[in-house]
Amino acid sequence: MNYKSLIAISVFILGVVVFGHAQQKKNTNLVQFSGMVLDGTEENLIPVPYVNILVKGKSRGTYSDFKGFFSIVVEKGDVIVFSAVGYKTVEYTIDPELKDDRYSLVQLMTQDAYNLPETVVFPWPSRDHFKLEFLAMDVTPELQEYAAKNLAEETLSRMRRDVKLDGNENADYYLRQQAREYYYVGQQPPMNIFNPVAWKKFFDAWKKGDFKKKNKN
């Protein structure tokens, strides 16, 4: 091995050692922060799933799983915010003088009761009764005209046709379709000809004259 090759190898090894030392020194501030989120108001300390766990002032975070477990890489001195619907928000500060690069915590959450304004529900036998009672209310003619337009069958039909389903409604429709298919796996689905509800609707429509031919003017 000549002199130049020896120098090149020595410089390469020195660079690797210096780079590794710099990386190790640079990452000494990082901490693997993990733990459990539990409901502190219950005697059995049940897990709280899907708790938002955010690093305050930074665009990083995670959430607890179904069993309340979480794990996230943070820095020493970071403020961790725990928040969930129905629970009080809790903040926890990572010790800046922490010696280890791993830290575990059992975070207890306290339920937060929020009193909604009083709501009075007026029952009505059907939508048609509600429509009649609503239109009979003592309101100004202008508001009554708006209500009549909004409750018109043409307007309601157009809204049912044009308004698209949101994500929850689509998911609910898909799951109901799957449940219906799984319910009749290995057997013949029932026919509406044997459905008494369908027969009742048929007779009601027949009595109302829905099947009569309408004269076109």
N, C-alpha and C. Protein backbone atom coordinates (compact mmCIF):
# COMPACT_ATOMS: atom_id res chain seq x y z
N MET A 1 0.86 -1.19 0.00
CA MET A 1 0.00 0.00 0.00
C MET A 1 0.89 1.24 0.00
N ASN A 2 0.66 2.15 -0.96
CA ASN A 2 1.52 3.32 -1.07
C ASN A 2 1.11 4.40 -0.05
N TYR A 3 1.86 5.45 -0.04
CA TYR A 3 1.68 6.52 0.95
C TYR A 3 0.38 7.28 0.72
N LYS A 4 0.05 7.54 -0.54
CA LYS A 4 -1.17 8.30 -0.86
C LYS A 4 -2.43 7.52 -0.46
N SER A 5 -2.45 6.21 -0.68
CA SER A 5 -3.61 5.40 -0.32
C SER A 5 -3.82 5.38 1.19
N LEU A 6 -2.72 5.32 1.93
CA LEU A 6 -2.82 5.32 3.39
C LEU A 6 -3.41 6.63 3.90
N ILE A 7 -3.00 7.74 3.29
CA ILE A 7 -3.53 9.04 3.70
C ILE A 7 -5.04 9.13 3.39
N ALA A 8 -5.42 8.63 2.21
CA ALA A 8 -6.83 8.69 1.82
C ALA A 8 -7.70 7.87 2.75
N ILE A 9 -7.23 6.66 3.11
CA ILE A 9 -8.00 5.82 4.04
C ILE A 9 -8.12 6.46 5.41
N SER A 10 -7.02 7.08 5.88
CA SER A 10 -7.03 7.73 7.19
C SER A 10 -8.01 8.90 7.21
N VAL A 11 -8.01 9.69 6.13
CA VAL A 11 -8.94 10.83 6.06
C VAL A 11 -10.38 10.35 6.03
N PHE A 12 -10.66 9.25 5.30
CA PHE A 12 -12.01 8.71 5.22
C PHE A 12 -12.49 8.22 6.58
N ILE A 13 -11.64 7.48 7.29
CA ILE A 13 -12.02 6.96 8.62
C ILE A 13 -12.25 8.11 9.59
N LEU A 14 -11.40 9.12 9.53
CA LEU A 14 -11.55 10.28 10.41
C LEU A 14 -12.86 11.01 10.14
N GLY A 15 -13.21 11.12 8.87
CA GLY A 15 -14.47 11.79 8.50
C GLY A 15 -15.68 11.03 9.00
N VAL A 16 -15.64 9.69 8.88
CA VAL A 16 -16.75 8.88 9.38
C VAL A 16 -16.90 9.02 10.88
N VAL A 17 -15.78 9.00 11.60
CA VAL A 17 -15.84 9.12 13.06
C VAL A 17 -16.38 10.48 13.47
N VAL A 18 -15.92 11.54 12.82
CA VAL A 18 -16.38 12.90 13.15
C VAL A 18 -17.86 13.05 12.83
N PHE A 19 -18.28 12.52 11.68
CA PHE A 19 -19.68 12.63 11.29
C PHE A 19 -20.59 11.86 12.25
N GLY A 20 -20.16 10.65 12.64
CA GLY A 20 -20.95 9.87 13.58
C GLY A 20 -21.04 10.54 14.94
N HIS A 21 -19.94 11.13 15.37
CA HIS A 21 -19.95 11.83 16.64
C HIS A 21 -20.87 13.05 16.60
N ALA A 22 -20.86 13.76 15.47
CA ALA A 22 -21.73 14.92 15.32
C ALA A 22 -23.19 14.52 15.32
N GLN A 23 -23.50 13.43 14.62
CA GLN A 23 -24.88 12.96 14.60
C GLN A 23 -25.35 12.53 15.99
N GLN A 24 -24.48 11.83 16.70
CA GLN A 24 -24.82 11.38 18.05
C GLN A 24 -25.03 12.58 18.98
N LYS A 25 -24.19 13.58 18.83
CA LYS A 25 -24.32 14.77 19.66
C LYS A 25 -25.58 15.55 19.29
N LYS A 26 -25.92 15.55 18.00
CA LYS A 26 -27.07 16.29 17.53
C LYS A 26 -28.37 15.67 18.02
N ASN A 27 -28.44 14.35 18.14
CA ASN A 27 -29.67 13.66 18.48
C ASN A 27 -29.84 13.38 19.98
N THR A 28 -28.96 13.90 20.80
CA THR A 28 -29.07 13.64 22.23
C THR A 28 -30.27 14.35 22.84
N ASN A 29 -30.87 15.30 22.13
CA ASN A 29 -32.01 16.03 22.66
C ASN A 29 -33.34 15.32 22.38
N LEU A 30 -33.32 14.27 21.57
CA LEU A 30 -34.54 13.56 21.21
C LEU A 30 -34.91 12.52 22.26
N VAL A 31 -36.23 12.33 22.45
CA VAL A 31 -36.74 11.39 23.45
C VAL A 31 -37.87 10.59 22.82
N GLN A 32 -37.84 9.27 23.00
CA GLN A 32 -38.95 8.43 22.59
C GLN A 32 -39.99 8.44 23.70
N PHE A 33 -41.06 9.21 23.51
CA PHE A 33 -42.08 9.43 24.53
C PHE A 33 -43.27 8.52 24.25
N SER A 34 -43.61 7.66 25.18
CA SER A 34 -44.70 6.70 25.01
C SER A 34 -45.44 6.54 26.33
N GLY A 35 -46.61 5.91 26.25
CA GLY A 35 -47.37 5.70 27.47
C GLY A 35 -48.80 5.31 27.19
N MET A 36 -49.65 5.46 28.22
CA MET A 36 -51.06 5.10 28.17
C MET A 36 -51.89 6.31 28.60
N VAL A 37 -53.07 6.44 27.97
CA VAL A 37 -54.03 7.47 28.35
C VAL A 37 -55.23 6.77 28.96
N LEU A 38 -55.53 7.09 30.23
CA LEU A 38 -56.61 6.41 30.96
C LEU A 38 -57.62 7.42 31.48
N ASP A 39 -58.83 6.95 31.68
CA ASP A 39 -59.89 7.77 32.24
C ASP A 39 -59.74 7.78 33.75
N GLY A 40 -59.33 8.92 34.31
CA GLY A 40 -59.09 9.01 35.74
C GLY A 40 -60.34 9.12 36.57
N THR A 41 -61.50 9.34 35.94
CA THR A 41 -62.74 9.46 36.71
C THR A 41 -63.38 8.11 37.00
N GLU A 42 -62.91 7.06 36.31
CA GLU A 42 -63.45 5.72 36.53
C GLU A 42 -62.57 4.95 37.52
N GLU A 43 -63.19 4.08 38.33
CA GLU A 43 -62.42 3.32 39.30
C GLU A 43 -61.51 2.30 38.63
N ASN A 44 -61.95 1.75 37.49
CA ASN A 44 -61.17 0.71 36.81
C ASN A 44 -60.12 1.27 35.87
N LEU A 45 -60.04 2.62 35.72
CA LEU A 45 -59.04 3.25 34.85
C LEU A 45 -59.09 2.64 33.44
N ILE A 46 -60.20 2.84 32.77
CA ILE A 46 -60.35 2.31 31.42
C ILE A 46 -59.57 3.18 30.44
N PRO A 47 -59.06 2.59 29.35
CA PRO A 47 -58.29 3.37 28.36
C PRO A 47 -59.18 4.37 27.64
N VAL A 48 -58.58 5.45 27.20
CA VAL A 48 -59.27 6.47 26.41
C VAL A 48 -58.70 6.40 24.99
N PRO A 49 -59.44 5.91 24.03
CA PRO A 49 -58.91 5.77 22.67
C PRO A 49 -58.97 7.07 21.90
N TYR A 50 -58.11 7.18 20.90
CA TYR A 50 -58.12 8.26 19.92
C TYR A 50 -58.00 9.64 20.56
N VAL A 51 -57.11 9.76 21.54
CA VAL A 51 -56.83 11.05 22.15
C VAL A 51 -55.81 11.79 21.28
N ASN A 52 -56.07 13.06 20.99
CA ASN A 52 -55.14 13.87 20.21
C ASN A 52 -53.95 14.23 21.09
N ILE A 53 -52.75 13.90 20.61
CA ILE A 53 -51.52 14.17 21.35
C ILE A 53 -50.64 15.04 20.45
N LEU A 54 -50.52 16.32 20.79
CA LEU A 54 -49.83 17.29 19.96
C LEU A 54 -48.65 17.89 20.70
N VAL A 55 -47.59 18.20 19.94
CA VAL A 55 -46.45 18.93 20.49
C VAL A 55 -46.77 20.41 20.35
N LYS A 56 -46.91 21.11 21.45
CA LYS A 56 -47.34 22.50 21.44
C LYS A 56 -46.34 23.38 20.69
N GLY A 57 -46.87 24.18 19.77
CA GLY A 57 -46.03 25.10 19.02
C GLY A 57 -45.34 24.47 17.83
N LYS A 58 -45.58 23.17 17.58
CA LYS A 58 -44.96 22.48 16.47
C LYS A 58 -46.03 21.71 15.71
N SER A 59 -45.80 21.52 14.43
CA SER A 59 -46.79 20.83 13.60
C SER A 59 -46.55 19.32 13.62
N ARG A 60 -46.49 18.77 14.79
CA ARG A 60 -46.28 17.33 14.94
C ARG A 60 -47.20 16.80 16.03
N GLY A 61 -47.55 15.53 15.89
CA GLY A 61 -48.40 14.92 16.90
C GLY A 61 -48.79 13.51 16.52
N THR A 62 -49.62 12.91 17.33
CA THR A 62 -50.10 11.56 17.09
C THR A 62 -51.41 11.41 17.86
N TYR A 63 -51.91 10.19 17.98
CA TYR A 63 -53.11 9.93 18.76
C TYR A 63 -53.00 8.54 19.37
N SER A 64 -53.71 8.34 20.46
CA SER A 64 -53.67 7.04 21.12
C SER A 64 -54.51 6.04 20.35
N ASP A 65 -54.12 4.77 20.43
CA ASP A 65 -54.87 3.73 19.72
C ASP A 65 -56.09 3.32 20.54
N PHE A 66 -56.74 2.25 20.10
CA PHE A 66 -57.99 1.82 20.74
C PHE A 66 -57.76 1.43 22.20
N LYS A 67 -56.55 0.99 22.55
CA LYS A 67 -56.24 0.59 23.92
C LYS A 67 -55.61 1.72 24.73
N GLY A 68 -55.57 2.93 24.17
CA GLY A 68 -55.04 4.07 24.89
C GLY A 68 -53.53 4.24 24.79
N PHE A 69 -52.84 3.39 24.02
CA PHE A 69 -51.38 3.46 23.92
C PHE A 69 -50.97 4.49 22.87
N PHE A 70 -49.85 5.18 23.12
CA PHE A 70 -49.31 6.14 22.17
C PHE A 70 -47.78 6.10 22.22
N SER A 71 -47.15 6.59 21.17
CA SER A 71 -45.69 6.68 21.11
C SER A 71 -45.32 7.74 20.09
N ILE A 72 -44.42 8.64 20.47
CA ILE A 72 -44.02 9.74 19.59
C ILE A 72 -42.62 10.21 19.98
N VAL A 73 -41.86 10.66 19.00
CA VAL A 73 -40.53 11.21 19.25
C VAL A 73 -40.66 12.71 19.51
N VAL A 74 -40.17 13.16 20.67
CA VAL A 74 -40.24 14.57 21.04
C VAL A 74 -38.83 15.05 21.44
N GLU A 75 -38.76 16.30 21.80
CA GLU A 75 -37.51 16.88 22.28
C GLU A 75 -37.65 17.24 23.76
N LYS A 76 -36.54 17.25 24.44
CA LYS A 76 -36.55 17.63 25.85
C LYS A 76 -37.02 19.08 25.98
N GLY A 77 -37.94 19.30 26.92
CA GLY A 77 -38.50 20.63 27.11
C GLY A 77 -39.78 20.87 26.34
N ASP A 78 -40.19 19.95 25.45
CA ASP A 78 -41.43 20.11 24.70
C ASP A 78 -42.64 20.02 25.63
N VAL A 79 -43.69 20.75 25.26
CA VAL A 79 -44.96 20.69 25.98
C VAL A 79 -45.92 19.84 25.16
N ILE A 80 -46.41 18.76 25.76
CA ILE A 80 -47.30 17.82 25.08
C ILE A 80 -48.73 18.10 25.52
N VAL A 81 -49.63 18.26 24.55
CA VAL A 81 -51.03 18.58 24.82
C VAL A 81 -51.89 17.35 24.54
N PHE A 82 -52.65 16.91 25.55
CA PHE A 82 -53.58 15.79 25.42
C PHE A 82 -54.99 16.36 25.39
N SER A 83 -55.74 16.04 24.34
CA SER A 83 -57.11 16.55 24.22
C SER A 83 -58.00 15.47 23.60
N ALA A 84 -59.24 15.44 24.06
CA ALA A 84 -60.24 14.49 23.55
C ALA A 84 -61.62 15.05 23.82
N VAL A 85 -62.58 14.68 22.99
CA VAL A 85 -63.94 15.15 23.16
C VAL A 85 -64.52 14.57 24.45
N GLY A 86 -65.05 15.43 25.30
CA GLY A 86 -65.63 14.99 26.56
C GLY A 86 -64.65 14.98 27.72
N TYR A 87 -63.38 15.37 27.47
CA TYR A 87 -62.36 15.38 28.52
C TYR A 87 -61.67 16.74 28.56
N LYS A 88 -61.19 17.09 29.74
CA LYS A 88 -60.45 18.33 29.89
C LYS A 88 -59.05 18.20 29.25
N THR A 89 -58.62 19.25 28.60
CA THR A 89 -57.30 19.26 27.96
C THR A 89 -56.20 19.31 29.01
N VAL A 90 -55.18 18.48 28.83
CA VAL A 90 -54.08 18.37 29.78
C VAL A 90 -52.77 18.65 29.06
N GLU A 91 -51.87 19.37 29.70
CA GLU A 91 -50.54 19.64 29.16
C GLU A 91 -49.48 19.00 30.05
N TYR A 92 -48.48 18.44 29.40
CA TYR A 92 -47.38 17.80 30.14
C TYR A 92 -46.05 18.26 29.51
N THR A 93 -45.10 18.68 30.35
CA THR A 93 -43.81 19.18 29.89
C THR A 93 -42.74 18.11 30.07
N ILE A 94 -42.02 17.81 29.01
CA ILE A 94 -40.90 16.87 29.09
C ILE A 94 -39.75 17.53 29.83
N ASP A 95 -39.21 16.84 30.80
CA ASP A 95 -38.13 17.39 31.63
C ASP A 95 -36.92 17.76 30.76
N PRO A 96 -36.52 19.04 30.76
CA PRO A 96 -35.35 19.43 29.94
C PRO A 96 -34.06 18.76 30.40
N GLU A 97 -33.99 18.35 31.67
CA GLU A 97 -32.77 17.73 32.23
C GLU A 97 -32.85 16.21 32.20
N LEU A 98 -33.74 15.65 31.40
CA LEU A 98 -33.90 14.20 31.32
C LEU A 98 -32.61 13.56 30.81
N LYS A 99 -32.13 12.54 31.51
CA LYS A 99 -30.87 11.89 31.16
C LYS A 99 -31.05 10.79 30.13
N ASP A 100 -32.18 10.13 30.16
CA ASP A 100 -32.42 9.00 29.27
C ASP A 100 -33.05 9.48 27.97
N ASP A 101 -32.97 8.65 26.92
CA ASP A 101 -33.59 9.00 25.64
C ASP A 101 -34.95 8.34 25.47
N ARG A 102 -35.48 7.74 26.54
CA ARG A 102 -36.81 7.15 26.52
C ARG A 102 -37.55 7.56 27.78
N TYR A 103 -38.85 7.80 27.62
CA TYR A 103 -39.64 8.21 28.77
C TYR A 103 -41.06 7.69 28.60
N SER A 104 -41.61 7.13 29.68
CA SER A 104 -42.97 6.58 29.65
C SER A 104 -43.85 7.33 30.64
N LEU A 105 -45.15 7.41 30.31
CA LEU A 105 -46.07 8.17 31.14
C LEU A 105 -47.46 7.53 31.09
N VAL A 106 -48.13 7.54 32.23
CA VAL A 106 -49.55 7.16 32.30
C VAL A 106 -50.32 8.45 32.54
N GLN A 107 -50.99 8.93 31.51
CA GLN A 107 -51.71 10.20 31.59
C GLN A 107 -53.19 9.95 31.90
N LEU A 108 -53.66 10.55 33.00
CA LEU A 108 -55.05 10.42 33.39
C LEU A 108 -55.85 11.60 32.85
N MET A 109 -57.01 11.30 32.27
CA MET A 109 -57.89 12.33 31.72
C MET A 109 -59.13 12.44 32.60
N THR A 110 -59.59 13.68 32.79
CA THR A 110 -60.79 13.95 33.59
C THR A 110 -61.93 14.33 32.67
N GLN A 111 -63.07 13.70 32.88
CA GLN A 111 -64.22 14.00 32.06
C GLN A 111 -64.69 15.43 32.28
N ASP A 112 -65.06 16.08 31.18
CA ASP A 112 -65.48 17.48 31.22
C ASP A 112 -66.95 17.55 30.82
N ALA A 113 -67.81 17.87 31.77
CA ALA A 113 -69.25 17.96 31.49
C ALA A 113 -69.57 19.35 30.95
N TYR A 114 -70.29 19.37 29.85
CA TYR A 114 -70.71 20.64 29.23
C TYR A 114 -72.22 20.63 29.10
N ASN A 115 -72.87 21.56 29.77
CA ASN A 115 -74.33 21.63 29.78
C ASN A 115 -74.81 22.41 28.57
N LEU A 116 -75.62 21.74 27.74
CA LEU A 116 -76.19 22.39 26.57
C LEU A 116 -77.45 23.16 26.96
N PRO A 117 -77.82 24.16 26.15
CA PRO A 117 -79.06 24.89 26.44
C PRO A 117 -80.27 23.97 26.39
N GLU A 118 -81.29 24.31 27.14
CA GLU A 118 -82.49 23.50 27.19
C GLU A 118 -83.18 23.48 25.83
N THR A 119 -83.58 22.31 25.40
CA THR A 119 -84.28 22.13 24.14
C THR A 119 -85.63 21.48 24.40
N VAL A 120 -86.67 22.08 23.88
CA VAL A 120 -88.02 21.55 24.04
C VAL A 120 -88.43 20.91 22.72
N VAL A 121 -88.77 19.65 22.77
CA VAL A 121 -89.18 18.90 21.58
C VAL A 121 -90.69 18.76 21.57
N PHE A 122 -91.31 19.18 20.48
CA PHE A 122 -92.76 19.07 20.33
C PHE A 122 -93.06 17.91 19.39
N PRO A 123 -93.71 16.87 19.87
CA PRO A 123 -93.99 15.72 19.01
C PRO A 123 -95.18 15.99 18.10
N TRP A 124 -95.11 15.43 16.91
CA TRP A 124 -96.21 15.51 15.96
C TRP A 124 -96.45 14.11 15.40
N PRO A 125 -97.70 13.78 15.09
CA PRO A 125 -97.99 12.43 14.59
C PRO A 125 -97.28 12.09 13.28
N SER A 126 -97.13 13.10 12.41
CA SER A 126 -96.50 12.84 11.12
C SER A 126 -95.95 14.15 10.57
N ARG A 127 -95.23 14.06 9.46
CA ARG A 127 -94.69 15.25 8.83
C ARG A 127 -95.80 16.15 8.28
N ASP A 128 -96.87 15.52 7.79
CA ASP A 128 -97.98 16.33 7.27
C ASP A 128 -98.61 17.16 8.38
N HIS A 129 -98.79 16.57 9.58
CA HIS A 129 -99.34 17.34 10.70
C HIS A 129 -98.39 18.48 11.09
N PHE A 130 -97.10 18.17 11.11
CA PHE A 130 -96.13 19.21 11.43
C PHE A 130 -96.18 20.34 10.41
N LYS A 131 -96.33 19.98 9.15
CA LYS A 131 -96.40 20.99 8.09
C LYS A 131 -97.60 21.90 8.29
N LEU A 132 -98.77 21.30 8.58
CA LEU A 132 -99.97 22.09 8.79
C LEU A 132 -99.85 23.00 10.01
N GLU A 133 -99.33 22.45 11.11
CA GLU A 133 -99.19 23.25 12.33
C GLU A 133 -98.16 24.35 12.15
N PHE A 134 -97.10 24.03 11.43
CA PHE A 134 -96.06 25.03 11.22
C PHE A 134 -96.57 26.20 10.38
N LEU A 135 -97.33 25.87 9.33
CA LEU A 135 -97.88 26.92 8.48
C LEU A 135 -98.97 27.71 9.18
N ALA A 136 -99.60 27.11 10.20
CA ALA A 136 -100.66 27.79 10.93
C ALA A 136 -100.13 28.69 12.04
N MET A 137 -98.84 28.73 12.23
CA MET A 137 -98.27 29.58 13.28
C MET A 137 -98.50 31.05 12.96
N ASP A 138 -98.54 31.85 13.99
CA ASP A 138 -98.78 33.29 13.83
C ASP A 138 -97.47 33.97 13.44
N VAL A 139 -97.21 33.99 12.15
CA VAL A 139 -95.99 34.61 11.64
C VAL A 139 -96.38 35.63 10.58
N THR A 140 -95.42 36.40 10.15
CA THR A 140 -95.67 37.42 9.13
C THR A 140 -95.95 36.75 7.80
N PRO A 141 -96.69 37.39 6.92
CA PRO A 141 -96.98 36.79 5.61
C PRO A 141 -95.72 36.48 4.81
N GLU A 142 -94.69 37.29 4.98
CA GLU A 142 -93.45 37.05 4.24
C GLU A 142 -92.78 35.75 4.68
N LEU A 143 -92.69 35.55 6.00
CA LEU A 143 -92.10 34.31 6.50
C LEU A 143 -92.95 33.11 6.15
N GLN A 144 -94.26 33.27 6.17
CA GLN A 144 -95.15 32.18 5.82
C GLN A 144 -94.98 31.79 4.35
N GLU A 145 -94.75 32.78 3.50
CA GLU A 145 -94.53 32.49 2.08
C GLU A 145 -93.22 31.73 1.88
N TYR A 146 -92.17 32.15 2.59
CA TYR A 146 -90.90 31.44 2.51
C TYR A 146 -91.05 30.00 2.98
N ALA A 147 -91.78 29.81 4.10
CA ALA A 147 -91.95 28.45 4.62
C ALA A 147 -92.72 27.58 3.65
N ALA A 148 -93.76 28.15 3.01
CA ALA A 148 -94.53 27.38 2.04
C ALA A 148 -93.68 26.96 0.85
N LYS A 149 -92.82 27.85 0.39
CA LYS A 149 -91.93 27.51 -0.73
C LYS A 149 -90.93 26.43 -0.34
N ASN A 150 -90.37 26.54 0.86
CA ASN A 150 -89.37 25.57 1.29
C ASN A 150 -89.96 24.19 1.55
N LEU A 151 -91.25 24.17 1.94
CA LEU A 151 -91.89 22.89 2.24
C LEU A 151 -92.66 22.32 1.06
N ALA A 152 -92.60 22.99 -0.06
CA ALA A 152 -93.30 22.48 -1.24
C ALA A 152 -92.69 21.15 -1.67
N GLU A 153 -93.54 20.25 -2.15
CA GLU A 153 -93.07 18.92 -2.54
C GLU A 153 -92.03 19.00 -3.64
N GLU A 154 -92.20 19.95 -4.55
CA GLU A 154 -91.24 20.10 -5.64
C GLU A 154 -89.86 20.50 -5.10
N THR A 155 -89.85 21.42 -4.14
CA THR A 155 -88.58 21.85 -3.55
C THR A 155 -87.91 20.72 -2.79
N LEU A 156 -88.71 19.99 -2.00
CA LEU A 156 -88.14 18.88 -1.23
C LEU A 156 -87.61 17.78 -2.14
N SER A 157 -88.34 17.49 -3.23
CA SER A 157 -87.89 16.47 -4.18
C SER A 157 -86.59 16.89 -4.85
N ARG A 158 -86.48 18.16 -5.20
CA ARG A 158 -85.26 18.65 -5.83
C ARG A 158 -84.08 18.58 -4.87
N MET A 159 -84.32 18.89 -3.60
CA MET A 159 -83.24 18.81 -2.61
C MET A 159 -82.81 17.37 -2.39
N ARG A 160 -83.78 16.44 -2.33
CA ARG A 160 -83.41 15.03 -2.16
C ARG A 160 -82.63 14.52 -3.36
N ARG A 161 -82.91 15.07 -4.52
CA ARG A 161 -82.23 14.61 -5.73
C ARG A 161 -80.86 15.25 -5.92
N ASP A 162 -80.74 16.54 -5.57
CA ASP A 162 -79.52 17.28 -5.88
C ASP A 162 -78.48 17.25 -4.76
N VAL A 163 -78.94 17.19 -3.51
CA VAL A 163 -77.99 17.22 -2.39
C VAL A 163 -77.30 15.86 -2.29
N LYS A 164 -75.98 15.88 -2.38
CA LYS A 164 -75.22 14.64 -2.36
C LYS A 164 -75.01 14.16 -0.92
N LEU A 165 -74.79 12.87 -0.81
CA LEU A 165 -74.53 12.28 0.50
C LEU A 165 -73.13 12.65 0.97
N ASP A 166 -72.97 12.88 2.27
CA ASP A 166 -71.64 13.13 2.80
C ASP A 166 -70.94 11.81 3.11
N GLY A 167 -69.76 11.91 3.69
CA GLY A 167 -68.96 10.71 3.95
C GLY A 167 -69.65 9.75 4.91
N ASN A 168 -70.24 10.28 5.98
CA ASN A 168 -70.91 9.42 6.95
C ASN A 168 -72.12 8.71 6.34
N GLU A 169 -72.90 9.43 5.53
CA GLU A 169 -74.07 8.82 4.91
C GLU A 169 -73.68 7.75 3.90
N ASN A 170 -72.62 8.03 3.12
CA ASN A 170 -72.14 7.03 2.17
C ASN A 170 -71.64 5.77 2.89
N ALA A 171 -70.88 5.99 3.96
CA ALA A 171 -70.37 4.84 4.72
C ALA A 171 -71.51 4.05 5.35
N ASP A 172 -72.50 4.75 5.88
CA ASP A 172 -73.65 4.06 6.47
C ASP A 172 -74.41 3.27 5.41
N TYR A 173 -74.60 3.85 4.23
CA TYR A 173 -75.31 3.13 3.16
C TYR A 173 -74.53 1.89 2.73
N TYR A 174 -73.19 2.02 2.60
CA TYR A 174 -72.36 0.89 2.19
C TYR A 174 -72.40 -0.23 3.23
N LEU A 175 -72.31 0.14 4.51
CA LEU A 175 -72.32 -0.87 5.56
C LEU A 175 -73.68 -1.57 5.65
N ARG A 176 -74.77 -0.82 5.44
CA ARG A 176 -76.08 -1.45 5.46
C ARG A 176 -76.25 -2.40 4.28
N GLN A 177 -75.69 -2.04 3.12
CA GLN A 177 -75.75 -2.94 1.98
C GLN A 177 -74.98 -4.23 2.25
N GLN A 178 -73.78 -4.09 2.85
CA GLN A 178 -72.99 -5.27 3.20
C GLN A 178 -73.72 -6.14 4.22
N ALA A 179 -74.30 -5.50 5.25
CA ALA A 179 -75.02 -6.27 6.27
C ALA A 179 -76.20 -7.01 5.67
N ARG A 180 -76.88 -6.39 4.72
CA ARG A 180 -78.01 -7.05 4.08
C ARG A 180 -77.56 -8.27 3.28
N GLU A 181 -76.40 -8.13 2.58
CA GLU A 181 -75.87 -9.25 1.80
C GLU A 181 -75.41 -10.39 2.71
N TYR A 182 -74.72 -10.04 3.79
CA TYR A 182 -74.23 -11.08 4.70
C TYR A 182 -75.38 -11.79 5.42
N TYR A 183 -76.48 -11.06 5.66
CA TYR A 183 -77.59 -11.64 6.39
C TYR A 183 -78.22 -12.79 5.62
N TYR A 184 -78.22 -12.68 4.27
CA TYR A 184 -78.85 -13.71 3.44
C TYR A 184 -77.84 -14.61 2.73
N VAL A 185 -76.62 -14.70 3.27
CA VAL A 185 -75.62 -15.58 2.66
C VAL A 185 -76.08 -17.03 2.77
N GLY A 186 -76.09 -17.74 1.65
CA GLY A 186 -76.47 -19.15 1.65
C GLY A 186 -77.96 -19.41 1.59
N GLN A 187 -78.76 -18.36 1.41
CA GLN A 187 -80.19 -18.56 1.33
C GLN A 187 -80.79 -17.54 0.35
N GLN A 188 -82.01 -17.78 -0.05
CA GLN A 188 -82.69 -16.92 -1.00
C GLN A 188 -83.28 -15.70 -0.28
N PRO A 189 -82.96 -14.49 -0.72
CA PRO A 189 -83.53 -13.31 -0.08
C PRO A 189 -85.05 -13.30 -0.23
N PRO A 190 -85.76 -12.76 0.74
CA PRO A 190 -87.23 -12.73 0.65
C PRO A 190 -87.71 -11.81 -0.46
N MET A 191 -88.86 -12.13 -1.03
CA MET A 191 -89.46 -11.33 -2.08
C MET A 191 -90.52 -10.41 -1.48
N ASN A 192 -90.66 -9.21 -2.09
CA ASN A 192 -91.62 -8.24 -1.57
C ASN A 192 -93.07 -8.71 -1.71
N ILE A 193 -93.30 -9.72 -2.53
CA ILE A 193 -94.66 -10.21 -2.69
C ILE A 193 -95.18 -10.83 -1.40
N PHE A 194 -94.25 -11.27 -0.53
CA PHE A 194 -94.64 -11.84 0.76
C PHE A 194 -94.48 -10.83 1.91
N ASN A 195 -94.23 -9.57 1.56
CA ASN A 195 -93.99 -8.55 2.58
C ASN A 195 -95.31 -7.83 2.88
N PRO A 196 -95.86 -7.97 4.10
CA PRO A 196 -97.14 -7.31 4.42
C PRO A 196 -97.05 -5.79 4.38
N VAL A 197 -95.87 -5.23 4.71
CA VAL A 197 -95.71 -3.77 4.67
C VAL A 197 -95.85 -3.27 3.24
N ALA A 198 -95.25 -4.01 2.28
CA ALA A 198 -95.36 -3.62 0.88
C ALA A 198 -96.80 -3.69 0.40
N TRP A 199 -97.53 -4.72 0.83
CA TRP A 199 -98.94 -4.83 0.45
C TRP A 199 -99.75 -3.67 1.03
N LYS A 200 -99.48 -3.28 2.25
CA LYS A 200 -100.20 -2.16 2.85
C LYS A 200 -99.95 -0.87 2.07
N LYS A 201 -98.69 -0.64 1.68
CA LYS A 201 -98.39 0.55 0.89
C LYS A 201 -99.13 0.50 -0.45
N PHE A 202 -99.22 -0.69 -1.03
CA PHE A 202 -99.91 -0.83 -2.31
C PHE A 202 -101.40 -0.48 -2.17
N PHE A 203 -102.05 -1.01 -1.13
CA PHE A 203 -103.47 -0.73 -0.93
C PHE A 203 -103.70 0.74 -0.59
N ASP A 204 -102.81 1.34 0.21
CA ASP A 204 -102.96 2.76 0.52
C ASP A 204 -102.86 3.61 -0.73
N ALA A 205 -101.88 3.27 -1.60
CA ALA A 205 -101.73 4.02 -2.85
C ALA A 205 -102.94 3.81 -3.76
N TRP A 206 -103.47 2.62 -3.73
CA TRP A 206 -104.64 2.31 -4.57
C TRP A 206 -105.85 3.12 -4.10
N LYS A 207 -106.06 3.21 -2.78
CA LYS A 207 -107.18 3.96 -2.25
C LYS A 207 -107.05 5.45 -2.54
N LYS A 208 -105.82 5.95 -2.54
CA LYS A 208 -105.61 7.37 -2.82
C LYS A 208 -105.71 7.68 -4.31
N GLY A 209 -105.77 6.65 -5.13
CA GLY A 209 -105.90 6.88 -6.56
C GLY A 209 -104.60 7.15 -7.28
N ASP A 210 -103.49 6.69 -6.71
CA ASP A 210 -102.20 6.92 -7.35
C ASP A 210 -102.06 6.18 -8.68
N PHE A 211 -102.85 5.12 -8.88
CA PHE A 211 -102.72 4.32 -10.11
C PHE A 211 -103.71 4.74 -11.20
N LYS A 212 -104.52 5.74 -10.89
CA LYS A 212 -105.48 6.22 -11.89
C LYS A 212 -104.78 7.05 -12.96
N LYS A 213 -105.25 6.95 -14.16
CA LYS A 213 -104.67 7.75 -15.24
C LYS A 213 -105.11 9.21 -15.07
N LYS A 214 -104.15 10.08 -15.16
CA LYS A 214 -104.43 11.51 -14.98
C LYS A 214 -104.58 12.15 -16.36
N ASN A 215 -105.63 12.97 -16.49
CA ASN A 215 -105.86 13.66 -17.76
C ASN A 215 -104.86 14.77 -17.95
N LYS A 216 -104.25 14.79 -19.10
CA LYS A 216 -103.29 15.82 -19.43
C LYS A 216 -103.99 16.96 -20.14
N ASN A 217 -103.91 18.14 -19.55
CA ASN A 217 -104.55 19.31 -20.17
C ASN A 217 -103.67 19.85 -21.30
